[in-house]
Amino acid sequence: MSAAAAVVLAVIGGTAWLVRPAPEGILAEAEAAHDGALSPVETLTGSTLLAVGARDSALETTTGLKLRAPDLSRFGYRLVRVALYDRSHRAASLIYRNTAGADVTIYVRRSDGTARFELLHYGALRECIWQDDVVGAVILGGMSAGEMARVASKAYADLDL
């Protein structure tokens, strides 16, 4: 009987350890945007995307922050789409793609005021939450921790806070 109880406790404990807690705040929003559960009110692609002034103005108008799209070309990524979300979210997703078809998404919005830096890994997706007292950003992509750290550093620096 005690052996059976030990097995049950081990299974329950092991399952609890493997189950990911539900994301909250900016991470939940970023994942919803990444997964398509958060619908943009406007999407910039093609020539609109390439017009730097118009693109950055749209980012500023939507988020209420003075932002510019990061240049991730050094890592082999080019900006392919910008999704702008409604006034309740006041956020944007910048989607970059490399020649192999792998995407990196930067979800950005005004911070809730909490300084935060986390590097998370769930399944094939690595997530970096980088937030200060003004801006919050979540960088999502299927890559190693080292590559995510380099991409996230460049992206955060280039947002031109």
Foldseek 3Di string as FASTA:
>chain_A
DVVVVVVVVVVVVVVVVPDDDQDDDPVNVVVCVVVVVAAFPDKDFDPCCVPQVNNQVLLCVLAVDNFGFFDPVVVQWDWGMKGGHDNVFSKIKTWIAHPVGWIKIKIKHFDPQDADWDWDDDDQKIWIWGHHRGMTIIIITRDDPVVCVVSVVRRVVRRPD
